[in-house]
Every structure is written in C-alpha cells, then in structure tokens.
Amino acid sequence: MNTELPLKNNIKDVRLDLNITQADLAETVGVSRNTIVSIENGKYTPNAKLALLICIALEKKFEELFFFDSDPDAE
C-alpha cells in the first residue's frame, strides 16, 4: 500500500449542508477554528480521535468524510 497517498476529506461540503459553521464544529470537537480550516484545506491531517469526533459531530461514517486521493497530481 502506498503510504504517500494524501488523506482528503469533504468535511466542508457536509458541514455546509448541515448549516454548521467552522467555529461551531470546532467548539463541538474541542479544537480551534483554525484547526478546522487547516483540516478542510488539507493542510493538517487529524489524529484518529479528532477524526472520529468530527464524524460524530457531523453524523457521518469515517469513510463518508475521509478518503485517499488516488491521483495526488490532479488538482
């Protein structure tokens, strides 16, 4: 398995669909709004605990929010 595949997410899309602000999500999961911004932008990969807290807060399964980008050069 290629461990260099970037972990992507669609947290922003789900969050907006649920009308949840970055600040609200951050408060719910116990991090700063800047952390949520960094996760959504792919600048920071959350640890397992934070990823699961985000899943719970957004009422989604892990695989519904996080995925590997099979073509990291396509952007």
N, C-alpha and C. Protein backbone atom coordinates (compact mmCIF):
# COMPACT_ATOMS: atom_id res chain seq x y z
N MET A 1 0.84 -1.18 0.00
CA MET A 1 0.00 0.00 0.00
C MET A 1 0.88 1.24 0.00
N ASN A 2 0.53 2.22 -0.79
CA ASN A 2 1.28 3.45 -0.87
C ASN A 2 0.92 4.36 0.30
N THR A 3 1.87 4.58 1.21
CA THR A 3 1.60 5.42 2.37
C THR A 3 1.73 6.90 2.05
N GLU A 4 2.08 7.23 0.81
CA GLU A 4 2.22 8.62 0.40
C GLU A 4 0.92 9.23 -0.13
N LEU A 5 -0.13 8.44 -0.22
CA LEU A 5 -1.41 8.97 -0.70
C LEU A 5 -1.95 9.99 0.30
N PRO A 6 -2.27 11.19 -0.16
CA PRO A 6 -2.80 12.19 0.76
C PRO A 6 -4.23 11.84 1.21
N LEU A 7 -4.49 12.05 2.48
CA LEU A 7 -5.83 11.83 3.02
C LEU A 7 -6.64 13.09 2.76
N LYS A 8 -7.68 12.96 1.99
CA LYS A 8 -8.57 14.08 1.64
C LYS A 8 -9.84 13.98 2.48
N ASN A 9 -10.66 15.02 2.42
CA ASN A 9 -11.93 14.99 3.14
C ASN A 9 -12.94 15.88 2.45
N ASN A 10 -14.19 15.66 2.79
CA ASN A 10 -15.26 16.52 2.29
C ASN A 10 -16.03 17.12 3.47
N ILE A 11 -15.29 17.44 4.52
CA ILE A 11 -15.89 18.00 5.73
C ILE A 11 -16.62 19.30 5.42
N LYS A 12 -16.00 20.16 4.64
CA LYS A 12 -16.61 21.46 4.35
C LYS A 12 -17.97 21.29 3.68
N ASP A 13 -18.07 20.42 2.69
CA ASP A 13 -19.33 20.21 1.99
C ASP A 13 -20.42 19.71 2.95
N VAL A 14 -20.07 18.74 3.77
CA VAL A 14 -21.04 18.18 4.72
C VAL A 14 -21.42 19.23 5.75
N ARG A 15 -20.43 19.93 6.25
CA ARG A 15 -20.68 20.97 7.26
C ARG A 15 -21.62 22.05 6.71
N LEU A 16 -21.38 22.48 5.49
CA LEU A 16 -22.25 23.50 4.89
C LEU A 16 -23.65 22.97 4.64
N ASP A 17 -23.77 21.71 4.23
CA ASP A 17 -25.09 21.10 4.04
C ASP A 17 -25.89 21.08 5.34
N LEU A 18 -25.17 20.96 6.46
CA LEU A 18 -25.82 20.91 7.77
C LEU A 18 -25.94 22.29 8.43
N ASN A 19 -25.50 23.34 7.70
CA ASN A 19 -25.52 24.71 8.22
C ASN A 19 -24.77 24.84 9.54
N ILE A 20 -23.59 24.21 9.59
CA ILE A 20 -22.72 24.29 10.77
C ILE A 20 -21.52 25.14 10.39
N THR A 21 -21.21 26.13 11.23
CA THR A 21 -20.05 26.97 10.95
C THR A 21 -18.77 26.25 11.39
N GLN A 22 -17.66 26.74 10.88
CA GLN A 22 -16.36 26.20 11.31
C GLN A 22 -16.20 26.38 12.81
N ALA A 23 -16.61 27.53 13.31
CA ALA A 23 -16.50 27.81 14.74
C ALA A 23 -17.34 26.85 15.57
N ASP A 24 -18.55 26.57 15.10
CA ASP A 24 -19.43 25.64 15.82
C ASP A 24 -18.85 24.23 15.84
N LEU A 25 -18.35 23.78 14.70
CA LEU A 25 -17.74 22.45 14.64
C LEU A 25 -16.52 22.40 15.53
N ALA A 26 -15.70 23.43 15.48
CA ALA A 26 -14.50 23.48 16.31
C ALA A 26 -14.85 23.39 17.79
N GLU A 27 -15.85 24.13 18.21
CA GLU A 27 -16.26 24.11 19.62
C GLU A 27 -16.79 22.73 20.01
N THR A 28 -17.56 22.12 19.13
CA THR A 28 -18.13 20.80 19.41
C THR A 28 -17.06 19.75 19.61
N VAL A 29 -16.01 19.80 18.79
CA VAL A 29 -14.98 18.75 18.87
C VAL A 29 -13.77 19.17 19.73
N GLY A 30 -13.78 20.40 20.24
CA GLY A 30 -12.75 20.83 21.18
C GLY A 30 -11.42 21.28 20.57
N VAL A 31 -11.50 21.91 19.40
CA VAL A 31 -10.29 22.45 18.77
C VAL A 31 -10.56 23.89 18.35
N SER A 32 -9.55 24.56 17.82
CA SER A 32 -9.74 25.93 17.34
C SER A 32 -10.36 25.92 15.95
N ARG A 33 -10.94 27.05 15.58
CA ARG A 33 -11.50 27.20 14.23
C ARG A 33 -10.39 27.05 13.20
N ASN A 34 -9.20 27.53 13.54
CA ASN A 34 -8.07 27.41 12.61
C ASN A 34 -7.72 25.95 12.33
N THR A 35 -7.90 25.09 13.31
CA THR A 35 -7.65 23.67 13.10
C THR A 35 -8.64 23.11 12.08
N ILE A 36 -9.91 23.47 12.21
CA ILE A 36 -10.92 23.02 11.25
C ILE A 36 -10.59 23.54 9.86
N VAL A 37 -10.20 24.80 9.75
CA VAL A 37 -9.80 25.38 8.46
C VAL A 37 -8.66 24.57 7.85
N SER A 38 -7.66 24.26 8.67
CA SER A 38 -6.49 23.51 8.18
C SER A 38 -6.87 22.10 7.73
N ILE A 39 -7.77 21.46 8.46
CA ILE A 39 -8.22 20.12 8.07
C ILE A 39 -8.98 20.20 6.75
N GLU A 40 -9.92 21.12 6.66
CA GLU A 40 -10.72 21.25 5.44
C GLU A 40 -9.85 21.55 4.22
N ASN A 41 -8.78 22.32 4.41
CA ASN A 41 -7.90 22.69 3.30
C ASN A 41 -6.80 21.67 3.04
N GLY A 42 -6.78 20.59 3.80
CA GLY A 42 -5.79 19.55 3.60
C GLY A 42 -4.40 19.89 4.09
N LYS A 43 -4.30 20.92 4.92
CA LYS A 43 -3.00 21.33 5.47
C LYS A 43 -2.65 20.56 6.73
N TYR A 44 -3.66 19.94 7.36
CA TYR A 44 -3.46 19.21 8.61
C TYR A 44 -4.30 17.94 8.57
N THR A 45 -3.69 16.84 8.91
CA THR A 45 -4.41 15.57 8.99
C THR A 45 -4.73 15.29 10.45
N PRO A 46 -6.02 15.17 10.78
CA PRO A 46 -6.37 14.95 12.19
C PRO A 46 -5.96 13.56 12.66
N ASN A 47 -5.69 13.46 13.96
CA ASN A 47 -5.43 12.12 14.51
C ASN A 47 -6.74 11.36 14.56
N ALA A 48 -6.67 10.09 14.90
CA ALA A 48 -7.85 9.23 14.87
C ALA A 48 -8.96 9.74 15.79
N LYS A 49 -8.59 10.19 16.98
CA LYS A 49 -9.60 10.66 17.93
C LYS A 49 -10.34 11.87 17.37
N LEU A 50 -9.61 12.85 16.84
CA LEU A 50 -10.25 14.05 16.31
C LEU A 50 -11.09 13.71 15.08
N ALA A 51 -10.58 12.84 14.22
CA ALA A 51 -11.34 12.44 13.04
C ALA A 51 -12.67 11.80 13.45
N LEU A 52 -12.63 10.95 14.46
CA LEU A 52 -13.88 10.30 14.91
C LEU A 52 -14.82 11.30 15.57
N LEU A 53 -14.27 12.26 16.31
CA LEU A 53 -15.13 13.30 16.91
C LEU A 53 -15.82 14.13 15.82
N ILE A 54 -15.10 14.42 14.74
CA ILE A 54 -15.69 15.14 13.63
C ILE A 54 -16.79 14.31 12.98
N CYS A 55 -16.54 13.02 12.82
CA CYS A 55 -17.56 12.13 12.25
C CYS A 55 -18.81 12.13 13.11
N ILE A 56 -18.64 12.05 14.41
CA ILE A 56 -19.79 12.05 15.32
C ILE A 56 -20.54 13.37 15.23
N ALA A 57 -19.79 14.47 15.23
CA ALA A 57 -20.41 15.80 15.18
C ALA A 57 -21.20 16.01 13.90
N LEU A 58 -20.70 15.46 12.80
CA LEU A 58 -21.38 15.63 11.50
C LEU A 58 -22.30 14.46 11.15
N GLU A 59 -22.37 13.50 12.07
CA GLU A 59 -23.24 12.33 11.92
C GLU A 59 -22.96 11.57 10.63
N LYS A 60 -21.68 11.34 10.38
CA LYS A 60 -21.24 10.60 9.19
C LYS A 60 -20.25 9.52 9.60
N LYS A 61 -20.17 8.48 8.78
CA LYS A 61 -19.16 7.45 8.98
C LYS A 61 -17.82 8.00 8.50
N PHE A 62 -16.74 7.42 9.03
CA PHE A 62 -15.40 7.86 8.66
C PHE A 62 -15.22 7.89 7.14
N GLU A 63 -15.62 6.81 6.48
CA GLU A 63 -15.40 6.72 5.03
C GLU A 63 -16.29 7.67 4.24
N GLU A 64 -17.28 8.27 4.88
CA GLU A 64 -18.10 9.27 4.21
C GLU A 64 -17.43 10.66 4.24
N LEU A 65 -16.49 10.85 5.16
CA LEU A 65 -15.81 12.13 5.28
C LEU A 65 -14.37 12.11 4.78
N PHE A 66 -13.69 11.00 4.97
CA PHE A 66 -12.27 10.93 4.65
C PHE A 66 -12.01 9.89 3.57
N PHE A 67 -11.06 10.20 2.68
CA PHE A 67 -10.73 9.28 1.59
C PHE A 67 -9.33 9.58 1.10
N PHE A 68 -8.73 8.61 0.43
CA PHE A 68 -7.42 8.80 -0.17
C PHE A 68 -7.58 9.35 -1.57
N ASP A 69 -6.72 10.27 -1.92
CA ASP A 69 -6.69 10.80 -3.28
C ASP A 69 -5.80 9.87 -4.10
N SER A 70 -6.42 9.09 -4.98
CA SER A 70 -5.67 8.11 -5.76
C SER A 70 -4.83 8.76 -6.85
N ASP A 71 -5.09 10.03 -7.16
CA ASP A 71 -4.30 10.76 -8.14
C ASP A 71 -3.86 12.09 -7.53
N PRO A 72 -2.81 12.07 -6.70
CA PRO A 72 -2.41 13.28 -5.97
C PRO A 72 -1.96 14.42 -6.88
N ASP A 73 -1.65 14.15 -8.15
CA ASP A 73 -1.23 15.21 -9.06
C ASP A 73 -2.41 15.95 -9.68
N ALA A 74 -3.60 15.40 -9.56
CA ALA A 74 -4.79 16.01 -10.15
C ALA A 74 -5.38 17.03 -9.17
N GLU A 75 -5.21 18.29 -9.47
CA GLU A 75 -5.81 19.33 -8.61
C GLU A 75 -6.22 20.50 -9.41
